Amino acid sequence: MLAMLFRQAGTMTAVGIALGVGGALLLTRSMRSLLFGVSAADPMVYLGVSALMAAVAIVAVAVPSSRATRIDPLLALRDS
């Protein structure tokens, strides 16, 4: 169950990061005036932000899914 939750969340996170990086690369012309000391296509910035987003997604999935795995499925079905 836990592996399924992480797999689904990982897929959504990867798609979100890919769309975000793609969108950011498309908008580099308009971002140049907003950035100071960093180029608009700096790969380290993209890697750092992507890693931060992936870490946040892992924590966002780990906390509720660890709580959900402690619940007995039969008790959850009876109460609903």
Protein backbone atom coordinates (compact mmCIF):
# COMPACT_ATOMS: atom_id res chain seq x y z
CA MET A 1 0.00 0.00 0.00
CA LEU A 2 2.77 2.40 0.97
CA ALA A 3 4.72 1.66 -2.22
CA MET A 4 1.62 2.34 -4.32
CA LEU A 5 1.11 5.73 -2.66
CA PHE A 6 4.74 6.72 -3.20
CA ARG A 7 4.66 5.52 -6.81
CA GLN A 8 1.55 7.57 -7.60
CA ALA A 9 2.90 10.64 -5.82
CA GLY A 10 6.27 10.23 -7.52
CA THR A 11 4.63 10.14 -10.92
CA MET A 12 2.62 13.29 -10.22
CA THR A 13 5.68 15.02 -8.78
CA ALA A 14 7.84 14.13 -11.78
CA VAL A 15 5.19 15.39 -14.21
CA GLY A 16 4.78 18.59 -12.20
CA ILE A 17 8.51 19.24 -12.05
CA ALA A 18 8.90 18.53 -15.78
CA LEU A 19 6.06 20.91 -16.66
CA GLY A 20 7.42 23.55 -14.29
CA VAL A 21 10.96 23.38 -15.67
CA GLY A 22 9.62 23.40 -19.22
CA GLY A 23 7.44 26.42 -18.50
CA ALA A 24 10.29 28.23 -16.79
CA LEU A 25 12.59 27.60 -19.74
CA LEU A 26 9.94 28.96 -22.10
CA LEU A 27 9.58 32.12 -20.01
CA THR A 28 13.28 32.89 -19.64
CA ARG A 29 13.05 36.04 -21.73
CA SER A 30 10.57 37.66 -19.38
CA MET A 31 12.42 36.46 -16.25
CA ARG A 32 15.78 38.03 -17.13
CA SER A 33 14.77 41.42 -15.78
CA LEU A 34 13.72 39.85 -12.44
CA LEU A 35 16.90 37.86 -11.75
CA PHE A 36 20.01 39.40 -10.22
CA GLY A 37 23.30 37.49 -10.16
CA VAL A 38 21.80 34.33 -11.71
CA SER A 39 21.26 33.58 -15.37
CA ALA A 40 17.76 32.65 -16.47
CA ALA A 41 18.88 29.19 -17.66
CA ASP A 42 21.19 28.28 -14.74
CA PRO A 43 20.98 24.47 -14.41
CA MET A 44 21.98 24.50 -10.72
CA VAL A 45 18.96 26.65 -9.87
CA TYR A 46 16.65 24.30 -11.75
CA LEU A 47 18.19 21.25 -10.07
CA GLY A 48 18.03 22.85 -6.63
CA VAL A 49 14.40 23.90 -6.94
CA SER A 50 13.44 20.51 -8.41
CA ALA A 51 15.15 18.71 -5.52
CA LEU A 52 13.39 20.96 -3.01
CA MET A 53 10.01 20.28 -4.62
CA ALA A 54 10.68 16.53 -4.64
CA ALA A 55 11.62 16.62 -0.94
CA VAL A 56 8.45 18.54 -0.07
CA ALA A 57 6.38 16.03 -2.05
CA ILE A 58 8.00 13.09 -0.23
CA VAL A 59 7.21 14.61 3.17
CA ALA A 60 3.68 15.50 2.03
CA VAL A 61 3.07 11.85 1.11
CA ALA A 62 5.00 10.19 3.93
CA VAL A 63 3.16 11.77 6.87
CA PRO A 64 -0.45 10.95 5.91
CA SER A 65 0.40 7.59 4.33
CA SER A 66 2.24 6.42 7.44
CA ARG A 67 -0.84 7.29 9.47
CA ALA A 68 -3.09 5.50 6.98
CA THR A 69 -1.05 2.29 7.14
CA ARG A 70 -1.61 2.08 10.90
CA ILE A 71 -5.41 1.90 10.50
CA ASP A 72 -6.99 -1.55 10.35
CA PRO A 73 -8.83 -1.80 7.00
CA LEU A 74 -11.70 -3.82 8.47
CA LEU A 75 -12.37 -1.19 11.12
CA ALA A 76 -12.26 1.58 8.53
CA LEU A 77 -14.76 -0.24 6.32
CA ARG A 78 -17.12 -0.96 9.22
CA ASP A 79 -17.19 2.69 10.30
CA SER A 80 -18.07 4.00 6.84
